[in-house]
Amino acid sequence: MILLGLRLEPCEDQHPSPWRYDTPWSEKSMAIEVRIPTILRTYTGGAKEVAGSGSTLAELFGDLESRHQGLRERLVDEAGLRRFVNVYVNDEDVRFLGGLDAQVKDGDTVTVLPAVAGGC
């Protein structure tokens, strides 16, 4: 292919597409993508995104805890979501979606953000 006068050749050692598996399409499942802030990445082995499953935010956090021990207690206390942690499902604040009872499904993106406070 020629683009702006440059000849582009396919790379021979290119990684295969992640969809090139012998598993039929119907058996592939999407997961819930959870974006982890830098301060909590010590619990995810440095990963900025992890996958989880569950039908509610509480179930999702339980699933994450099973693979990333200690993460849940940084997000939730006995009263619910910790005060200085903001959680969004597909860019919607979960505090307006039912908190830990907020519904989640495969393909959703959950973003965890620490609240920023302070000033003069």
PDB file of N, CA and C in Angstrom:
ATOM      1  N   MET A   1       0.852  -1.156   0.000  1.00  0.00           N
ATOM      2  CA  MET A   1       0.000   0.000   0.000  1.00  0.00           C
ATOM      3  C   MET A   1       0.904   1.226   0.000  1.00  0.00           C
ATOM      4  N   ILE A   2       0.531   2.242  -0.753  1.00  0.00           N
ATOM      5  CA  ILE A   2       1.296   3.481  -0.800  1.00  0.00           C
ATOM      6  C   ILE A   2       0.479   4.583  -0.158  1.00  0.00           C
ATOM      7  N   LEU A   3       1.089   5.267   0.797  1.00  0.00           N
ATOM      8  CA  LEU A   3       0.421   6.324   1.527  1.00  0.00           C
ATOM      9  C   LEU A   3       1.366   7.504   1.613  1.00  0.00           C
ATOM     10  N   LEU A   4       0.968   8.629   1.044  1.00  0.00           N
ATOM     11  CA  LEU A   4       1.786   9.837   1.036  1.00  0.00           C
ATOM     12  C   LEU A   4       3.186   9.569   0.499  1.00  0.00           C
ATOM     13  N   GLY A   5       3.278   8.765  -0.539  1.00  0.00           N
ATOM     14  CA  GLY A   5       4.556   8.497  -1.177  1.00  0.00           C
ATOM     15  C   GLY A   5       5.387   7.445  -0.471  1.00  0.00           C
ATOM     16  N   LEU A   6       4.900   6.868   0.602  1.00  0.00           N
ATOM     17  CA  LEU A   6       5.629   5.828   1.321  1.00  0.00           C
ATOM     18  C   LEU A   6       5.015   4.481   1.024  1.00  0.00           C
ATOM     19  N   ARG A   7       5.856   3.497   0.807  1.00  0.00           N
ATOM     20  CA  ARG A   7       5.361   2.142   0.561  1.00  0.00           C
ATOM     21  C   ARG A   7       5.298   1.421   1.906  1.00  0.00           C
ATOM     22  N   LEU A   8       4.132   0.964   2.258  1.00  0.00           N
ATOM     23  CA  LEU A   8       3.946   0.235   3.507  1.00  0.00           C
ATOM     24  C   LEU A   8       3.798  -1.245   3.198  1.00  0.00           C
ATOM     25  N   GLU A   9       4.657  -2.049   3.796  1.00  0.00           N
ATOM     26  CA  GLU A   9       4.617  -3.490   3.601  1.00  0.00           C
ATOM     27  C   GLU A   9       4.138  -4.140   4.890  1.00  0.00           C
ATOM     28  N   PRO A  10       3.361  -5.208   4.797  1.00  0.00           N
ATOM     29  CA  PRO A  10       2.946  -5.890   6.021  1.00  0.00           C
ATOM     30  C   PRO A  10       4.160  -6.498   6.720  1.00  0.00           C
ATOM     31  N   CYS A  11       4.148  -6.466   8.011  1.00  0.00           N
ATOM     32  CA  CYS A  11       5.235  -7.000   8.828  1.00  0.00           C
ATOM     33  C   CYS A  11       5.061  -8.511   8.942  1.00  0.00           C
ATOM     34  N   GLU A  12       6.129  -9.248   8.658  1.00  0.00           N
ATOM     35  CA  GLU A  12       6.061 -10.712   8.685  1.00  0.00           C
ATOM     36  C   GLU A  12       5.872 -11.256  10.099  1.00  0.00           C
ATOM     37  N   ASP A  13       6.443 -10.583  11.101  1.00  0.00           N
ATOM     38  CA  ASP A  13       6.355 -11.097  12.464  1.00  0.00           C
ATOM     39  C   ASP A  13       5.250 -10.417  13.271  1.00  0.00           C
ATOM     40  N   GLN A  14       4.269  -9.913  12.563  1.00  0.00           N
ATOM     41  CA  GLN A  14       3.164  -9.214  13.215  1.00  0.00           C
ATOM     42  C   GLN A  14       2.396 -10.172  14.118  1.00  0.00           C
ATOM     43  N   HIS A  15       1.978  -9.668  15.297  1.00  0.00           N
ATOM     44  CA  HIS A  15       1.208 -10.501  16.218  1.00  0.00           C
ATOM     45  C   HIS A  15      -0.157 -10.809  15.605  1.00  0.00           C
ATOM     46  N   PRO A  16      -0.655 -12.012  15.828  1.00  0.00           N
ATOM     47  CA  PRO A  16      -1.979 -12.338  15.289  1.00  0.00           C
ATOM     48  C   PRO A  16      -3.059 -11.547  16.003  1.00  0.00           C
ATOM     49  N   SER A  17      -4.149 -11.378  15.322  1.00  0.00           N
ATOM     50  CA  SER A  17      -5.304 -10.691  15.901  1.00  0.00           C
ATOM     51  C   SER A  17      -5.790 -11.478  17.109  1.00  0.00           C
ATOM     52  N   PRO A  18      -6.236 -10.775  18.161  1.00  0.00           N
ATOM     53  CA  PRO A  18      -6.735 -11.513  19.325  1.00  0.00           C
ATOM     54  C   PRO A  18      -7.999 -12.308  19.034  1.00  0.00           C
ATOM     55  N   TRP A  19      -8.631 -12.087  17.895  1.00  0.00           N
ATOM     56  CA  TRP A  19      -9.857 -12.801  17.550  1.00  0.00           C
ATOM     57  C   TRP A  19      -9.571 -14.049  16.729  1.00  0.00           C
ATOM     58  N   ARG A  20      -8.317 -14.327  16.442  1.00  0.00           N
ATOM     59  CA  ARG A  20      -7.978 -15.506  15.646  1.00  0.00           C
ATOM     60  C   ARG A  20      -7.727 -16.702  16.553  1.00  0.00           C
ATOM     61  N   TYR A  21      -8.757 -17.233  17.071  1.00  0.00           N
ATOM     62  CA  TYR A  21      -8.686 -18.419  17.906  1.00  0.00           C
ATOM     63  C   TYR A  21      -9.612 -19.471  17.320  1.00  0.00           C
ATOM     64  N   ASP A  22      -9.432 -20.681  17.769  1.00  0.00           N
ATOM     65  CA  ASP A  22     -10.278 -21.771  17.282  1.00  0.00           C
ATOM     66  C   ASP A  22     -11.637 -21.799  17.968  1.00  0.00           C
ATOM     67  N   THR A  23     -11.846 -20.910  18.934  1.00  0.00           N
ATOM     68  CA  THR A  23     -13.117 -20.859  19.642  1.00  0.00           C
ATOM     69  C   THR A  23     -14.170 -20.177  18.773  1.00  0.00           C
ATOM     70  N   PRO A  24     -15.327 -20.801  18.591  1.00  0.00           N
ATOM     71  CA  PRO A  24     -16.385 -20.152  17.805  1.00  0.00           C
ATOM     72  C   PRO A  24     -16.807 -18.831  18.434  1.00  0.00           C
ATOM     73  N   TRP A  25     -17.260 -17.901  17.619  1.00  0.00           N
ATOM     74  CA  TRP A  25     -17.670 -16.567  18.076  1.00  0.00           C
ATOM     75  C   TRP A  25     -18.663 -16.641  19.226  1.00  0.00           C
ATOM     76  N   SER A  26     -19.606 -17.545  19.162  1.00  0.00           N
ATOM     77  CA  SER A  26     -20.646 -17.617  20.183  1.00  0.00           C
ATOM     78  C   SER A  26     -20.088 -17.998  21.548  1.00  0.00           C
ATOM     79  N   GLU A  27     -18.907 -18.629  21.601  1.00  0.00           N
ATOM     80  CA  GLU A  27     -18.329 -19.025  22.873  1.00  0.00           C
ATOM     81  C   GLU A  27     -17.444 -17.951  23.474  1.00  0.00           C
ATOM     82  N   LYS A  28     -17.139 -16.918  22.727  1.00  0.00           N
ATOM     83  CA  LYS A  28     -16.329 -15.826  23.255  1.00  0.00           C
ATOM     84  C   LYS A  28     -17.220 -14.962  24.138  1.00  0.00           C
ATOM     85  N   SER A  29     -16.716 -14.566  25.282  1.00  0.00           N
ATOM     86  CA  SER A  29     -17.514 -13.701  26.133  1.00  0.00           C
ATOM     87  C   SER A  29     -16.747 -12.426  26.418  1.00  0.00           C
ATOM     88  N   MET A  30     -17.475 -11.359  26.488  1.00  0.00           N
ATOM     89  CA  MET A  30     -16.882 -10.091  26.853  1.00  0.00           C
ATOM     90  C   MET A  30     -16.904 -10.019  28.369  1.00  0.00           C
ATOM     91  N   ALA A  31     -16.045  -9.204  28.893  1.00  0.00           N
ATOM     92  CA  ALA A  31     -16.018  -9.012  30.334  1.00  0.00           C
ATOM     93  C   ALA A  31     -16.289  -7.542  30.623  1.00  0.00           C
ATOM     94  N   ILE A  32     -16.378  -7.230  31.880  1.00  0.00           N
ATOM     95  CA  ILE A  32     -16.512  -5.841  32.305  1.00  0.00           C
ATOM     96  C   ILE A  32     -15.092  -5.313  32.478  1.00  0.00           C
ATOM     97  N   GLU A  33     -14.792  -4.229  31.809  1.00  0.00           N
ATOM     98  CA  GLU A  33     -13.468  -3.620  31.901  1.00  0.00           C
ATOM     99  C   GLU A  33     -13.460  -2.659  33.081  1.00  0.00           C
ATOM    100  N   VAL A  34     -12.490  -2.823  33.966  1.00  0.00           N
ATOM    101  CA  VAL A  34     -12.377  -1.966  35.140  1.00  0.00           C
ATOM    102  C   VAL A  34     -11.064  -1.202  35.039  1.00  0.00           C
ATOM    103  N   ARG A  35     -11.156   0.121  35.005  1.00  0.00           N
ATOM    104  CA  ARG A  35      -9.975   0.970  34.926  1.00  0.00           C
ATOM    105  C   ARG A  35      -9.530   1.329  36.340  1.00  0.00           C
ATOM    106  N   ILE A  36      -8.269   1.046  36.618  1.00  0.00           N
ATOM    107  CA  ILE A  36      -7.715   1.175  37.967  1.00  0.00           C
ATOM    108  C   ILE A  36      -6.810   2.404  38.041  1.00  0.00           C
ATOM    109  N   PRO A  37      -6.992   3.273  39.049  1.00  0.00           N
ATOM    110  CA  PRO A  37      -6.110   4.438  39.178  1.00  0.00           C
ATOM    111  C   PRO A  37      -4.708   4.015  39.616  1.00  0.00           C
ATOM    112  N   THR A  38      -3.741   4.836  39.327  1.00  0.00           N
ATOM    113  CA  THR A  38      -2.342   4.530  39.632  1.00  0.00           C
ATOM    114  C   THR A  38      -2.139   4.116  41.082  1.00  0.00           C
ATOM    115  N   ILE A  39      -2.768   4.797  42.000  1.00  0.00           N
ATOM    116  CA  ILE A  39      -2.554   4.535  43.423  1.00  0.00           C
ATOM    117  C   ILE A  39      -3.017   3.141  43.851  1.00  0.00           C
ATOM    118  N   LEU A  40      -3.900   2.512  43.106  1.00  0.00           N
ATOM    119  CA  LEU A  40      -4.402   1.179  43.452  1.00  0.00           C
ATOM    120  C   LEU A  40      -3.792   0.071  42.599  1.00  0.00           C
ATOM    121  N   ARG A  41      -2.880   0.402  41.718  1.00  0.00           N
ATOM    122  CA  ARG A  41      -2.320  -0.610  40.812  1.00  0.00           C
ATOM    123  C   ARG A  41      -1.397  -1.598  41.497  1.00  0.00           C
ATOM    124  N   THR A  42      -0.975  -1.302  42.721  1.00  0.00           N
ATOM    125  CA  THR A  42      -0.180  -2.283  43.459  1.00  0.00           C
ATOM    126  C   THR A  42      -1.008  -3.538  43.732  1.00  0.00           C
ATOM    127  N   TYR A  43      -2.325  -3.399  43.762  1.00  0.00           N
ATOM    128  CA  TYR A  43      -3.216  -4.535  44.001  1.00  0.00           C
ATOM    129  C   TYR A  43      -3.507  -5.328  42.730  1.00  0.00           C
ATOM    130  N   THR A  44      -3.209  -4.748  41.576  1.00  0.00           N
ATOM    131  CA  THR A  44      -3.481  -5.418  40.301  1.00  0.00           C
ATOM    132  C   THR A  44      -2.194  -5.789  39.568  1.00  0.00           C
ATOM    133  N   GLY A  45      -1.097  -5.816  40.292  1.00  0.00           N
ATOM    134  CA  GLY A  45       0.174  -6.157  39.657  1.00  0.00           C
ATOM    135  C   GLY A  45       0.622  -5.117  38.655  1.00  0.00           C
ATOM    136  N   GLY A  46       0.185  -3.877  38.844  1.00  0.00           N
ATOM    137  CA  GLY A  46       0.568  -2.792  37.948  1.00  0.00           C
ATOM    138  C   GLY A  46      -0.374  -2.583  36.770  1.00  0.00           C
ATOM    139  N   ALA A  47      -1.368  -3.449  36.628  1.00  0.00           N
ATOM    140  CA  ALA A  47      -2.297  -3.337  35.491  1.00  0.00           C
ATOM    141  C   ALA A  47      -3.198  -2.124  35.656  1.00  0.00           C
ATOM    142  N   LYS A  48      -3.327  -1.346  34.588  1.00  0.00           N
ATOM    143  CA  LYS A  48      -4.218  -0.183  34.653  1.00  0.00           C
ATOM    144  C   LYS A  48      -5.649  -0.538  34.297  1.00  0.00           C
ATOM    145  N   GLU A  49      -5.847  -1.702  33.690  1.00  0.00           N
ATOM    146  CA  GLU A  49      -7.186  -2.204  33.376  1.00  0.00           C
ATOM    147  C   GLU A  49      -7.233  -3.680  33.724  1.00  0.00           C
ATOM    148  N   VAL A  50      -8.308  -4.098  34.351  1.00  0.00           N
ATOM    149  CA  VAL A  50      -8.524  -5.511  34.655  1.00  0.00           C
ATOM    150  C   VAL A  50      -9.939  -5.873  34.220  1.00  0.00           C
ATOM    151  N   ALA A  51     -10.152  -7.146  34.019  1.00  0.00           N
ATOM    152  CA  ALA A  51     -11.475  -7.627  33.613  1.00  0.00           C
ATOM    153  C   ALA A  51     -12.147  -8.292  34.801  1.00  0.00           C
ATOM    154  N   GLY A  52     -13.454  -8.152  34.861  1.00  0.00           N
ATOM    155  CA  GLY A  52     -14.220  -8.769  35.928  1.00  0.00           C
ATOM    156  C   GLY A  52     -15.589  -9.170  35.448  1.00  0.00           C
ATOM    157  N   SER A  53     -16.353  -9.788  36.345  1.00  0.00           N
ATOM    158  CA  SER A  53     -17.712 -10.187  35.993  1.00  0.00           C
ATOM    159  C   SER A  53     -18.624  -9.996  37.197  1.00  0.00           C
ATOM    160  N   GLY A  54     -19.896  -9.955  36.930  1.00  0.00           N
ATOM    161  CA  GLY A  54     -20.913  -9.775  37.954  1.00  0.00           C
ATOM    162  C   GLY A  54     -22.098  -9.042  37.365  1.00  0.00           C
ATOM    163  N   SER A  55     -23.229  -9.071  38.052  1.00  0.00           N
ATOM    164  CA  SER A  55     -24.409  -8.367  37.547  1.00  0.00           C
ATOM    165  C   SER A  55     -24.636  -7.046  38.270  1.00  0.00           C
ATOM    166  N   THR A  56     -23.955  -6.871  39.424  1.00  0.00           N
ATOM    167  CA  THR A  56     -24.018  -5.600  40.145  1.00  0.00           C
ATOM    168  C   THR A  56     -22.589  -5.162  40.451  1.00  0.00           C
ATOM    169  N   LEU A  57     -22.446  -3.919  40.844  1.00  0.00           N
ATOM    170  CA  LEU A  57     -21.136  -3.404  41.199  1.00  0.00           C
ATOM    171  C   LEU A  57     -20.556  -4.182  42.381  1.00  0.00           C
ATOM    172  N   ALA A  58     -21.404  -4.543  43.361  1.00  0.00           N
ATOM    173  CA  ALA A  58     -20.953  -5.319  44.508  1.00  0.00           C
ATOM    174  C   ALA A  58     -20.398  -6.678  44.070  1.00  0.00           C
ATOM    175  N   GLU A  59     -21.095  -7.351  43.163  1.00  0.00           N
ATOM    176  CA  GLU A  59     -20.620  -8.640  42.656  1.00  0.00           C
ATOM    177  C   GLU A  59     -19.321  -8.479  41.880  1.00  0.00           C
ATOM    178  N   LEU A  60     -19.221  -7.417  41.100  1.00  0.00           N
ATOM    179  CA  LEU A  60     -18.003  -7.139  40.343  1.00  0.00           C
ATOM    180  C   LEU A  60     -16.822  -6.942  41.287  1.00  0.00           C
ATOM    181  N   PHE A  61     -17.012  -6.143  42.346  1.00  0.00           N
ATOM    182  CA  PHE A  61     -15.933  -5.920  43.311  1.00  0.00           C
ATOM    183  C   PHE A  61     -15.560  -7.218  44.021  1.00  0.00           C
ATOM    184  N   GLY A  62     -16.538  -8.070  44.291  1.00  0.00           N
ATOM    185  CA  GLY A  62     -16.252  -9.382  44.886  1.00  0.00           C
ATOM    186  C   GLY A  62     -15.427 -10.247  43.950  1.00  0.00           C
ATOM    187  N   ASP A  63     -15.756 -10.214  42.669  1.00  0.00           N
ATOM    188  CA  ASP A  63     -15.001 -10.973  41.671  1.00  0.00           C
ATOM    189  C   ASP A  63     -13.567 -10.446  41.578  1.00  0.00           C
ATOM    190  N   LEU A  64     -13.421  -9.136  41.575  1.00  0.00           N
ATOM    191  CA  LEU A  64     -12.078  -8.553  41.512  1.00  0.00           C
ATOM    192  C   LEU A  64     -11.262  -8.922  42.742  1.00  0.00           C
ATOM    193  N   GLU A  65     -11.917  -8.932  43.908  1.00  0.00           N
ATOM    194  CA  GLU A  65     -11.227  -9.276  45.155  1.00  0.00           C
ATOM    195  C   GLU A  65     -10.672 -10.693  45.108  1.00  0.00           C
ATOM    196  N   SER A  66     -11.383 -11.593  44.421  1.00  0.00           N
ATOM    197  CA  SER A  66     -10.918 -12.983  44.345  1.00  0.00           C
ATOM    198  C   SER A  66      -9.611 -13.102  43.566  1.00  0.00           C
ATOM    199  N   ARG A  67      -9.328 -12.157  42.708  1.00  0.00           N
ATOM    200  CA  ARG A  67      -8.088 -12.186  41.915  1.00  0.00           C
ATOM    201  C   ARG A  67      -7.085 -11.109  42.298  1.00  0.00           C
ATOM    202  N   HIS A  68      -7.556 -10.073  42.964  1.00  0.00           N
ATOM    203  CA  HIS A  68      -6.701  -8.940  43.340  1.00  0.00           C
ATOM    204  C   HIS A  68      -6.968  -8.610  44.809  1.00  0.00           C
ATOM    205  N   GLN A  69      -6.456  -9.454  45.681  1.00  0.00           N
ATOM    206  CA  GLN A  69      -6.748  -9.355  47.112  1.00  0.00           C
ATOM    207  C   GLN A  69      -6.350  -8.001  47.687  1.00  0.00           C
ATOM    208  N   GLY A  70      -7.266  -7.411  48.461  1.00  0.00           N
ATOM    209  CA  GLY A  70      -7.038  -6.127  49.103  1.00  0.00           C
ATOM    210  C   GLY A  70      -7.650  -4.958  48.358  1.00  0.00           C
ATOM    211  N   LEU A  71      -8.024  -5.163  47.099  1.00  0.00           N
ATOM    212  CA  LEU A  71      -8.577  -4.074  46.293  1.00  0.00           C
ATOM    213  C   LEU A  71      -9.947  -3.632  46.810  1.00  0.00           C
ATOM    214  N   ARG A  72     -10.806  -4.587  47.114  1.00  0.00           N
ATOM    215  CA  ARG A  72     -12.176  -4.255  47.525  1.00  0.00           C
ATOM    216  C   ARG A  72     -12.209  -3.366  48.764  1.00  0.00           C
ATOM    217  N   GLU A  73     -11.378  -3.669  49.752  1.00  0.00           N
ATOM    218  CA  GLU A  73     -11.414  -2.878  50.983  1.00  0.00           C
ATOM    219  C   GLU A  73     -10.938  -1.452  50.766  1.00  0.00           C
ATOM    220  N   ARG A  74     -10.268  -1.187  49.676  1.00  0.00           N
ATOM    221  CA  ARG A  74      -9.869   0.185  49.341  1.00  0.00           C
ATOM    222  C   ARG A  74     -11.008   0.952  48.663  1.00  0.00           C
ATOM    223  N   LEU A  75     -12.023   0.216  48.204  1.00  0.00           N
ATOM    224  CA  LEU A  75     -13.142   0.833  47.485  1.00  0.00           C
ATOM    225  C   LEU A  75     -14.411   0.900  48.314  1.00  0.00           C
ATOM    226  N   VAL A  76     -14.580  -0.066  49.221  1.00  0.00           N
ATOM    227  CA  VAL A  76     -15.842  -0.237  49.939  1.00  0.00           C
ATOM    228  C   VAL A  76     -15.574  -0.356  51.436  1.00  0.00           C
ATOM    229  N   ASP A  77     -16.460   0.233  52.236  1.00  0.00           N
ATOM    230  CA  ASP A  77     -16.437   0.015  53.680  1.00  0.00           C
ATOM    231  C   ASP A  77     -17.808  -0.522  54.096  1.00  0.00           C
ATOM    232  N   GLU A  78     -18.061  -0.624  55.400  1.00  0.00           N
ATOM    233  CA  GLU A  78     -19.337  -1.203  55.852  1.00  0.00           C
ATOM    234  C   GLU A  78     -20.558  -0.375  55.447  1.00  0.00           C
ATOM    235  N   ALA A  79     -20.361   0.902  55.131  1.00  0.00           N
ATOM    236  CA  ALA A  79     -21.478   1.772  54.735  1.00  0.00           C
ATOM    237  C   ALA A  79     -21.717   1.785  53.222  1.00  0.00           C
ATOM    238  N   GLY A  80     -20.815   1.222  52.452  1.00  0.00           N
ATOM    239  CA  GLY A  80     -20.933   1.237  50.991  1.00  0.00           C
ATOM    240  C   GLY A  80     -19.650   1.743  50.366  1.00  0.00           C
ATOM    241  N   LEU A  81     -19.791   2.481  49.274  1.00  0.00           N
ATOM    242  CA  LEU A  81     -18.601   3.033  48.620  1.00  0.00           C
ATOM    243  C   LEU A  81     -17.887   3.988  49.562  1.00  0.00           C
ATOM    244  N   ARG A  82     -16.585   3.907  49.581  1.00  0.00           N
ATOM    245  CA  ARG A  82     -15.820   4.834  50.417  1.00  0.00           C
ATOM    246  C   ARG A  82     -16.057   6.262  49.958  1.00  0.00           C
ATOM    247  N   ARG A  83     -16.001   7.163  50.903  1.00  0.00           N
ATOM    248  CA  ARG A  83     -16.351   8.565  50.654  1.00  0.00           C
ATOM    249  C   ARG A  83     -15.476   9.228  49.591  1.00  0.00           C
ATOM    250  N   PHE A  84     -14.185   8.910  49.591  1.00  0.00           N
ATOM    251  CA  PHE A  84     -13.277   9.587  48.675  1.00  0.00           C
ATOM    252  C   PHE A  84     -12.902   8.742  47.465  1.00  0.00           C
ATOM    253  N   VAL A  85     -13.808   7.860  47.071  1.00  0.00           N
ATOM    254  CA  VAL A  85     -13.634   7.059  45.865  1.00  0.00           C
ATOM    255  C   VAL A  85     -14.835   7.321  44.970  1.00  0.00           C
ATOM    256  N   ASN A  86     -14.561   7.677  43.727  1.00  0.00           N
ATOM    257  CA  ASN A  86     -15.629   7.874  42.745  1.00  0.00           C
ATOM    258  C   ASN A  86     -15.595   6.716  41.768  1.00  0.00           C
ATOM    259  N   VAL A  87     -16.756   6.149  41.490  1.00  0.00           N
ATOM    260  CA  VAL A  87     -16.863   5.027  40.565  1.00  0.00           C
ATOM    261  C   VAL A  87     -17.891   5.382  39.505  1.00  0.00           C
ATOM    262  N   TYR A  88     -17.538   5.100  38.250  1.00  0.00           N
ATOM    263  CA  TYR A  88     -18.412   5.403  37.118  1.00  0.00           C
ATOM    264  C   TYR A  88     -18.621   4.145  36.291  1.00  0.00           C
ATOM    265  N   VAL A  89     -19.853   3.918  35.873  1.00  0.00           N
ATOM    266  CA  VAL A  89     -20.172   2.849  34.930  1.00  0.00           C
ATOM    267  C   VAL A  89     -20.542   3.531  33.629  1.00  0.00           C
ATOM    268  N   ASN A  90     -19.741   3.299  32.616  1.00  0.00           N
ATOM    269  CA  ASN A  90     -19.949   3.943  31.313  1.00  0.00           C
ATOM    270  C   ASN A  90     -20.121   5.455  31.469  1.00  0.00           C
ATOM    271  N   ASP A  91     -19.248   6.063  32.263  1.00  0.00           N
ATOM    272  CA  ASP A  91     -19.205   7.511  32.504  1.00  0.00           C
ATOM    273  C   ASP A  91     -20.365   8.051  33.336  1.00  0.00           C
ATOM    274  N   GLU A  92     -21.169   7.181  33.928  1.00  0.00           N
ATOM    275  CA  GLU A  92     -22.259   7.605  34.813  1.00  0.00           C
ATOM    276  C   GLU A  92     -21.860   7.340  36.256  1.00  0.00           C
ATOM    277  N   ASP A  93     -21.985   8.318  37.127  1.00  0.00           N
ATOM    278  CA  ASP A  93     -21.637   8.182  38.531  1.00  0.00           C
ATOM    279  C   ASP A  93     -22.554   7.149  39.188  1.00  0.00           C
ATOM    280  N   VAL A  94     -21.963   6.114  39.807  1.00  0.00           N
ATOM    281  CA  VAL A  94     -22.777   5.036  40.383  1.00  0.00           C
ATOM    282  C   VAL A  94     -23.589   5.492  41.580  1.00  0.00           C
ATOM    283  N   ARG A  95     -23.253   6.622  42.164  1.00  0.00           N
ATOM    284  CA  ARG A  95     -24.037   7.124  43.297  1.00  0.00           C
ATOM    285  C   ARG A  95     -25.461   7.479  42.851  1.00  0.00           C
ATOM    286  N   PHE A  96     -25.615   7.748  41.560  1.00  0.00           N
ATOM    287  CA  PHE A  96     -26.942   8.038  41.005  1.00  0.00           C
ATOM    288  C   PHE A  96     -27.555   6.820  40.328  1.00  0.00           C
ATOM    289  N   LEU A  97     -26.822   5.704  40.318  1.00  0.00           N
ATOM    290  CA  LEU A  97     -27.299   4.479  39.684  1.00  0.00           C
ATOM    291  C   LEU A  97     -27.608   3.381  40.692  1.00  0.00           C
ATOM    292  N   GLY A  98     -27.537   3.709  41.991  1.00  0.00           N
ATOM    293  CA  GLY A  98     -27.835   2.721  43.011  1.00  0.00           C
ATOM    294  C   GLY A  98     -26.633   2.273  43.824  1.00  0.00           C
ATOM    295  N   GLY A  99     -25.509   2.939  43.694  1.00  0.00           N
ATOM    296  CA  GLY A  99     -24.326   2.575  44.478  1.00  0.00           C
ATOM    297  C   GLY A  99     -23.846   1.178  44.157  1.00  0.00           C
ATOM    298  N   LEU A 100     -23.633   0.372  45.192  1.00  0.00           N
ATOM    299  CA  LEU A 100     -23.153  -0.990  44.989  1.00  0.00           C
ATOM    300  C   LEU A 100     -24.183  -1.885  44.318  1.00  0.00           C
ATOM    301  N   ASP A 101     -25.451  -1.452  44.296  1.00  0.00           N
ATOM    302  CA  ASP A 101     -26.506  -2.218  43.613  1.00  0.00           C
ATOM    303  C   ASP A 101     -26.634  -1.832  42.141  1.00  0.00           C
ATOM    304  N   ALA A 102     -25.775  -0.927  41.662  1.00  0.00           N
ATOM    305  CA  ALA A 102     -25.820  -0.512  40.256  1.00  0.00           C
ATOM    306  C   ALA A 102     -25.608  -1.724  39.361  1.00  0.00           C
ATOM    307  N   GLN A 103     -26.434  -1.825  38.338  1.00  0.00           N
ATOM    308  CA  GLN A 103     -26.348  -2.941  37.404  1.00  0.00           C
ATOM    309  C   GLN A 103     -25.159  -2.769  36.460  1.00  0.00           C
ATOM    310  N   VAL A 104     -24.430  -3.856  36.220  1.00  0.00           N
ATOM    311  CA  VAL A 104     -23.341  -3.876  35.250  1.00  0.00           C
ATOM    312  C   VAL A 104     -23.514  -5.109  34.375  1.00  0.00           C
ATOM    313  N   LYS A 105     -22.931  -5.046  33.185  1.00  0.00           N
ATOM    314  CA  LYS A 105     -23.041  -6.181  32.261  1.00  0.00           C
ATOM    315  C   LYS A 105     -21.780  -6.262  31.409  1.00  0.00           C
ATOM    316  N   ASP A 106     -21.613  -7.389  30.749  1.00  0.00           N
ATOM    317  CA  ASP A 106     -20.469  -7.572  29.871  1.00  0.00           C
ATOM    318  C   ASP A 106     -20.405  -6.438  28.861  1.00  0.00           C
ATOM    319  N   GLY A 107     -19.192  -5.933  28.650  1.00  0.00           N
ATOM    320  CA  GLY A 107     -18.988  -4.836  27.715  1.00  0.00           C
ATOM    321  C   GLY A 107     -18.971  -3.471  28.379  1.00  0.00           C
ATOM    322  N   ASP A 108     -19.441  -3.397  29.637  1.00  0.00           N
ATOM    323  CA  ASP A 108     -19.420  -2.123  30.367  1.00  0.00           C
ATOM    324  C   ASP A 108     -17.984  -1.758  30.742  1.00  0.00           C
ATOM    325  N   THR A 109     -17.777  -0.464  30.955  1.00  0.00           N
ATOM    326  CA  THR A 109     -16.506   0.045  31.451  1.00  0.00           C
ATOM    327  C   THR A 109     -16.750   0.692  32.804  1.00  0.00           C
ATOM    328  N   VAL A 110     -16.041   0.221  33.808  1.00  0.00           N
ATOM    329  CA  VAL A 110     -16.134   0.774  35.152  1.00  0.00           C
ATOM    330  C   VAL A 110     -14.826   1.508  35.419  1.00  0.00           C
ATOM    331  N   THR A 111     -14.942   2.772  35.784  1.00  0.00           N
ATOM    332  CA  THR A 111     -13.758   3.596  36.074  1.00  0.00           C
ATOM    333  C   THR A 111     -13.749   3.944  37.541  1.00  0.00           C
ATOM    334  N   VAL A 112     -12.625   3.682  38.185  1.00  0.00           N
ATOM    335  CA  VAL A 112     -12.438   4.008  39.594  1.00  0.00           C
ATOM    336  C   VAL A 112     -11.504   5.220  39.664  1.00  0.00           C
ATOM    337  N   LEU A 113     -11.957   6.263  40.333  1.00  0.00           N
ATOM    338  CA  LEU A 113     -11.149   7.472  40.478  1.00  0.00           C
ATOM    339  C   LEU A 113     -11.096   7.893  41.937  1.00  0.00           C
ATOM    340  N   PRO A 114      -9.896   8.144  42.446  1.00  0.00           N
ATOM    341  CA  PRO A 114      -9.835   8.704  43.795  1.00  0.00           C
ATOM    342  C   PRO A 114     -10.275  10.144  43.761  1.00  0.00           C
ATOM    343  N   ALA A 115     -11.041  10.556  44.749  1.00  0.00           N
ATOM    344  CA  ALA A 115     -11.482  11.946  44.814  1.00  0.00           C
ATOM    345  C   ALA A 115     -10.277  12.827  45.181  1.00  0.00           C
ATOM    346  N   VAL A 116     -10.251  13.995  44.627  1.00  0.00           N
ATOM    347  CA  VAL A 116      -9.182  14.934  44.911  1.00  0.00           C
ATOM    348  C   VAL A 116      -9.738  16.001  45.835  1.00  0.00           C
ATOM    349  N   ALA A 117      -9.048  16.242  46.937  1.00  0.00           N
ATOM    350  CA  ALA A 117      -9.492  17.231  47.900  1.00  0.00           C
ATOM    351  C   ALA A 117      -8.297  18.083  48.322  1.00  0.00           C
ATOM    352  N   GLY A 118      -8.586  19.198  48.858  1.00  0.00           N
ATOM    353  CA  GLY A 118      -7.505  20.051  49.350  1.00  0.00           C
ATOM    354  C   GLY A 118      -7.689  21.475  48.857  1.00  0.00           C
ATOM    355  N   GLY A 119      -6.674  22.227  49.009  1.00  0.00           N
ATOM    356  CA  GLY A 119      -6.729  23.620  48.577  1.00  0.00           C
ATOM    357  C   GLY A 119      -6.078  24.495  49.614  1.00  0.00           C
ATOM    358  N   CYS A 120      -6.297  25.784  49.481  1.00  0.00           N
ATOM    359  CA  CYS A 120      -5.670  26.727  50.401  1.00  0.00           C
ATOM    360  C   CYS A 120      -6.560  27.002  51.586  1.00  0.00           C
TER     361      CYS A 120
END
